[in-house]
Amino acid sequence: MTIIALDHIQIAMPDGKENEARSFYAGILGLTGKAKPASLSNKGGCWFEHEGLQVHLGVDPDFRPARKAHPGFEVADIAALSTLLQERGYSISKGSDLEGYSRVFTSDPFGNRIELLQKTNSE
């Protein structure tokens, strides 16, 4: 048995905050909303996708933001996205050097840590 692919990542969120999730994950990060299966639609949360990447936000009644564990999203223009995030009120912190990448960290509307990476031309 071997793992063949990552199907999705699940990020916790508080109940009733789907609009804030959509504003961040679709409105800023550019993911597309995806309908949840009917069997899960009554549980709250929302799903997003982009070119095979799926991000599921699920409601946790005892929600606490993930401040260490996090998704790392590769982006096309880290400077432009960082500027947009700051214009929308999100703070950006520079990550430590990682060979071959520029990277920054931000948080989603619920305090979950999000890493953004862009490949650099250095070889």
C-alpha atoms as a PDB file:
ATOM      1  CA  MET A   1       0.000   0.000   0.000  1.00  0.00           C
ATOM      2  CA  THR A   2       1.243   3.473  -0.841  1.00  0.00           C
ATOM      3  CA  ILE A   3      -0.294   6.892  -0.720  1.00  0.00           C
ATOM      4  CA  ILE A   4      -0.894   8.111  -4.246  1.00  0.00           C
ATOM      5  CA  ALA A   5      -2.096  11.683  -3.692  1.00  0.00           C
ATOM      6  CA  LEU A   6      -3.300  14.220  -1.174  1.00  0.00           C
ATOM      7  CA  ASP A   7      -7.071  14.414  -1.586  1.00  0.00           C
ATOM      8  CA  HIS A   8      -7.717  17.467   0.595  1.00  0.00           C
ATOM      9  CA  ILE A   9      -6.714  19.362   3.685  1.00  0.00           C
ATOM     10  CA  GLN A  10      -9.184  20.087   6.466  1.00  0.00           C
ATOM     11  CA  ILE A  11      -8.976  23.300   8.467  1.00  0.00           C
ATOM     12  CA  ALA A  12     -11.179  23.956  11.480  1.00  0.00           C
ATOM     13  CA  MET A  13     -13.351  27.024  11.787  1.00  0.00           C
ATOM     14  CA  PRO A  14     -15.951  28.339  14.238  1.00  0.00           C
ATOM     15  CA  ASP A  15     -19.641  27.818  13.591  1.00  0.00           C
ATOM     16  CA  GLY A  16     -21.517  30.365  11.485  1.00  0.00           C
ATOM     17  CA  LYS A  17     -18.448  31.994   9.910  1.00  0.00           C
ATOM     18  CA  GLU A  18     -18.802  30.656   6.364  1.00  0.00           C
ATOM     19  CA  ASN A  19     -19.026  34.143   4.828  1.00  0.00           C
ATOM     20  CA  GLU A  20     -15.704  35.119   6.406  1.00  0.00           C
ATOM     21  CA  ALA A  21     -14.180  31.864   5.122  1.00  0.00           C
ATOM     22  CA  ARG A  22     -15.428  32.581   1.598  1.00  0.00           C
ATOM     23  CA  SER A  23     -14.109  36.146   1.709  1.00  0.00           C
ATOM     24  CA  PHE A  24     -10.635  34.895   2.619  1.00  0.00           C
ATOM     25  CA  TYR A  25     -10.235  31.591   0.777  1.00  0.00           C
ATOM     26  CA  ALA A  26     -12.128  32.586  -2.398  1.00  0.00           C
ATOM     27  CA  GLY A  27     -12.011  36.381  -2.308  1.00  0.00           C
ATOM     28  CA  ILE A  28      -8.333  36.756  -1.413  1.00  0.00           C
ATOM     29  CA  LEU A  29      -6.591  33.431  -2.064  1.00  0.00           C
ATOM     30  CA  GLY A  30      -8.561  32.822  -5.271  1.00  0.00           C
ATOM     31  CA  LEU A  31      -9.886  29.340  -4.542  1.00  0.00           C
ATOM     32  CA  THR A  32     -13.254  28.385  -6.014  1.00  0.00           C
ATOM     33  CA  GLY A  33     -16.140  27.362  -3.779  1.00  0.00           C
ATOM     34  CA  LYS A  34     -17.151  23.723  -4.121  1.00  0.00           C
ATOM     35  CA  ALA A  35     -20.523  22.300  -3.119  1.00  0.00           C
ATOM     36  CA  LYS A  36     -20.343  19.894  -0.213  1.00  0.00           C
ATOM     37  CA  PRO A  37     -21.982  16.505  -0.669  1.00  0.00           C
ATOM     38  CA  ALA A  38     -25.634  16.465   0.439  1.00  0.00           C
ATOM     39  CA  SER A  39     -24.760  14.110   3.293  1.00  0.00           C
ATOM     40  CA  LEU A  40     -22.433  16.742   4.785  1.00  0.00           C
ATOM     41  CA  SER A  41     -24.179  19.980   3.852  1.00  0.00           C
ATOM     42  CA  ASN A  42     -26.024  20.299   7.180  1.00  0.00           C
ATOM     43  CA  LYS A  43     -22.806  20.268   9.218  1.00  0.00           C
ATOM     44  CA  GLY A  44     -21.698  23.806   8.334  1.00  0.00           C
ATOM     45  CA  GLY A  45     -18.338  24.808   6.947  1.00  0.00           C
ATOM     46  CA  CYS A  46     -17.413  25.160   3.304  1.00  0.00           C
ATOM     47  CA  TRP A  47     -15.169  23.615   0.689  1.00  0.00           C
ATOM     48  CA  PHE A  48     -12.863  25.152  -1.890  1.00  0.00           C
ATOM     49  CA  GLU A  49     -10.764  23.895  -4.781  1.00  0.00           C
ATOM     50  CA  HIS A  50      -8.246  24.981  -7.398  1.00  0.00           C
ATOM     51  CA  GLU A  51      -6.549  22.771 -10.001  1.00  0.00           C
ATOM     52  CA  GLY A  52      -6.759  19.570  -7.973  1.00  0.00           C
ATOM     53  CA  LEU A  53      -6.160  21.196  -4.595  1.00  0.00           C
ATOM     54  CA  GLN A  54      -9.080  20.878  -2.181  1.00  0.00           C
ATOM     55  CA  VAL A  55      -9.435  22.777   1.071  1.00  0.00           C
ATOM     56  CA  HIS A  56     -12.262  21.812   3.418  1.00  0.00           C
ATOM     57  CA  LEU A  57     -13.209  24.093   6.296  1.00  0.00           C
ATOM     58  CA  GLY A  58     -15.109  22.181   8.917  1.00  0.00           C
ATOM     59  CA  VAL A  59     -16.955  23.527  11.935  1.00  0.00           C
ATOM     60  CA  ASP A  60     -15.425  22.569  15.267  1.00  0.00           C
ATOM     61  CA  PRO A  61     -17.688  23.350  18.262  1.00  0.00           C
ATOM     62  CA  ASP A  62     -14.557  23.598  20.451  1.00  0.00           C
ATOM     63  CA  PHE A  63     -12.649  25.627  17.863  1.00  0.00           C
ATOM     64  CA  ARG A  64      -9.120  26.746  18.646  1.00  0.00           C
ATOM     65  CA  PRO A  65      -6.969  28.152  15.835  1.00  0.00           C
ATOM     66  CA  ALA A  66      -4.026  26.112  14.572  1.00  0.00           C
ATOM     67  CA  ARG A  67      -1.045  28.351  15.226  1.00  0.00           C
ATOM     68  CA  LYS A  68       1.701  25.861  14.335  1.00  0.00           C
ATOM     69  CA  ALA A  69       0.181  23.199  12.055  1.00  0.00           C
ATOM     70  CA  HIS A  70      -0.693  24.832   8.741  1.00  0.00           C
ATOM     71  CA  PRO A  71      -1.196  24.410   5.015  1.00  0.00           C
ATOM     72  CA  GLY A  72       1.480  25.755   2.709  1.00  0.00           C
ATOM     73  CA  PHE A  73       0.076  27.185  -0.505  1.00  0.00           C
ATOM     74  CA  GLU A  74       2.368  27.785  -3.482  1.00  0.00           C
ATOM     75  CA  VAL A  75       1.446  31.093  -5.105  1.00  0.00           C
ATOM     76  CA  ALA A  76       2.347  32.815  -8.374  1.00  0.00           C
ATOM     77  CA  ASP A  77       3.016  36.328  -7.002  1.00  0.00           C
ATOM     78  CA  ILE A  78       3.797  36.436  -3.309  1.00  0.00           C
ATOM     79  CA  ALA A  79       4.423  40.200  -3.293  1.00  0.00           C
ATOM     80  CA  ALA A  80       1.032  41.035  -4.819  1.00  0.00           C
ATOM     81  CA  LEU A  81      -0.804  38.592  -2.561  1.00  0.00           C
ATOM     82  CA  SER A  82       1.010  39.932   0.510  1.00  0.00           C
ATOM     83  CA  THR A  83      -0.007  43.470  -0.440  1.00  0.00           C
ATOM     84  CA  LEU A  84      -3.635  42.413  -0.955  1.00  0.00           C
ATOM     85  CA  LEU A  85      -3.709  40.637   2.397  1.00  0.00           C
ATOM     86  CA  GLN A  86      -2.317  43.699   4.168  1.00  0.00           C
ATOM     87  CA  GLU A  87      -4.806  45.971   2.392  1.00  0.00           C
ATOM     88  CA  ARG A  88      -7.588  43.708   3.712  1.00  0.00           C
ATOM     89  CA  GLY A  89      -6.243  43.927   7.276  1.00  0.00           C
ATOM     90  CA  TYR A  90      -4.244  40.690   7.524  1.00  0.00           C
ATOM     91  CA  SER A  91      -0.744  40.789   8.955  1.00  0.00           C
ATOM     92  CA  ILE A  92       2.175  39.223   7.120  1.00  0.00           C
ATOM     93  CA  SER A  93       5.336  37.840   8.700  1.00  0.00           C
ATOM     94  CA  LYS A  94       8.370  36.746   6.740  1.00  0.00           C
ATOM     95  CA  GLY A  95       9.315  33.117   7.064  1.00  0.00           C
ATOM     96  CA  SER A  96      12.873  31.983   7.645  1.00  0.00           C
ATOM     97  CA  ASP A  97      14.865  31.276   4.524  1.00  0.00           C
ATOM     98  CA  LEU A  98      13.932  28.133   2.665  1.00  0.00           C
ATOM     99  CA  GLU A  99      16.182  27.307  -0.274  1.00  0.00           C
ATOM    100  CA  GLY A 100      14.416  27.897  -3.569  1.00  0.00           C
ATOM    101  CA  TYR A 101      11.432  29.730  -2.091  1.00  0.00           C
ATOM    102  CA  SER A 102      10.256  33.087  -0.859  1.00  0.00           C
ATOM    103  CA  ARG A 103       7.732  32.590   1.893  1.00  0.00           C
ATOM    104  CA  VAL A 104       5.510  34.486   4.275  1.00  0.00           C
ATOM    105  CA  PHE A 105       2.950  33.597   6.898  1.00  0.00           C
ATOM    106  CA  THR A 106      -0.468  35.053   7.581  1.00  0.00           C
ATOM    107  CA  SER A 107      -3.583  33.869   9.408  1.00  0.00           C
ATOM    108  CA  ASP A 108      -7.055  33.213   8.084  1.00  0.00           C
ATOM    109  CA  PRO A 109      -9.989  35.109   9.667  1.00  0.00           C
ATOM    110  CA  PHE A 110     -10.093  32.545  12.483  1.00  0.00           C
ATOM    111  CA  GLY A 111      -6.409  32.690  13.454  1.00  0.00           C
ATOM    112  CA  ASN A 112      -5.302  29.537  11.629  1.00  0.00           C
ATOM    113  CA  ARG A 113      -1.716  29.840  10.375  1.00  0.00           C
ATOM    114  CA  ILE A 114      -1.323  29.943   6.574  1.00  0.00           C
ATOM    115  CA  GLU A 115       2.015  29.693   4.748  1.00  0.00           C
ATOM    116  CA  LEU A 116       2.404  31.181   1.284  1.00  0.00           C
ATOM    117  CA  LEU A 117       5.374  30.141  -0.867  1.00  0.00           C
ATOM    118  CA  GLN A 118       6.699  31.222  -4.251  1.00  0.00           C
ATOM    119  CA  LYS A 119       9.479  29.404  -6.053  1.00  0.00           C
ATOM    120  CA  THR A 120      12.495  31.591  -6.732  1.00  0.00           C
ATOM    121  CA  ASN A 121      14.776  31.416  -9.749  1.00  0.00           C
ATOM    122  CA  SER A 122      17.820  30.519  -7.658  1.00  0.00           C
ATOM    123  CA  GLU A 123      19.158  27.070  -8.332  1.00  0.00           C
END
